[in-house]
Amino acid sequence: MKINGKDAFVYYISPVQINVLAPIDTSLGSVNVTVTRDGVTSDASTATIQKVTPAFFLFSGSKYIASLHENFTLNGPADLYPGQTTPLKPGDLVLLFGSGFGPTTPNPVNGQLLTGAPPLASSISITIGGVDVTPSESRPGTFGGLSATGLYQFNVRVPDSIPNGDAAVVATVDGVPTQSGAFVFIQR
């Protein structure tokens, strides 16, 4: 598969679907997408490349962000995945995961596995329950950038003022917010 003439990185194929990691490309706007099978290339389809399209990953069938506690256990209401998920508490460090948050410094090299954890090149803001938790050097343990090829990770602290229950999480990068209806679950 090629996107804008560059090889895409295939990770799933079925008779009706192909999932790929798009190549790094600074082009913006409409680009051609082609698929080659058994030496035959499809007609070009059009897709749109944007600088950022940030979104958090959600646990399957839920409104809860795919996230981990600092000890790498699953975060969420106890009944989300019984015996596996536990709620966050105020002050906890939570690891949030998503895609589409844009360039990093340095950018990874197309076709190579990621080395290190490059931070975002653009500024980002993150809120939990409307309270700013943006990663910064002044907030120990926080981070925002790539943790694996195509996978963005944000380590942020749950504010002390957050009440029990669902707390909306919104990240905004280059003026573009993540999807609405993405939550973490808090229980003191």
Foldseek 3Di string as FASTA:
>chain_A
DAKQNHDWAWDDDDPVDTDTHHFDDPDFAKIWDWDADPRDIDDTDIDGDDQFQKAFDADPPALEGAKAWPVRFTAAPCPPPPPGYDHDEAFTKMKTKIFGQHQFVPRDHPPDKDDDWTARPWAKWKDWLNHTFGDDPVAPPWGWTDPIVRMIITITGHHNPDDFAWIWMWMATPNHIYDGSYTGGYDD
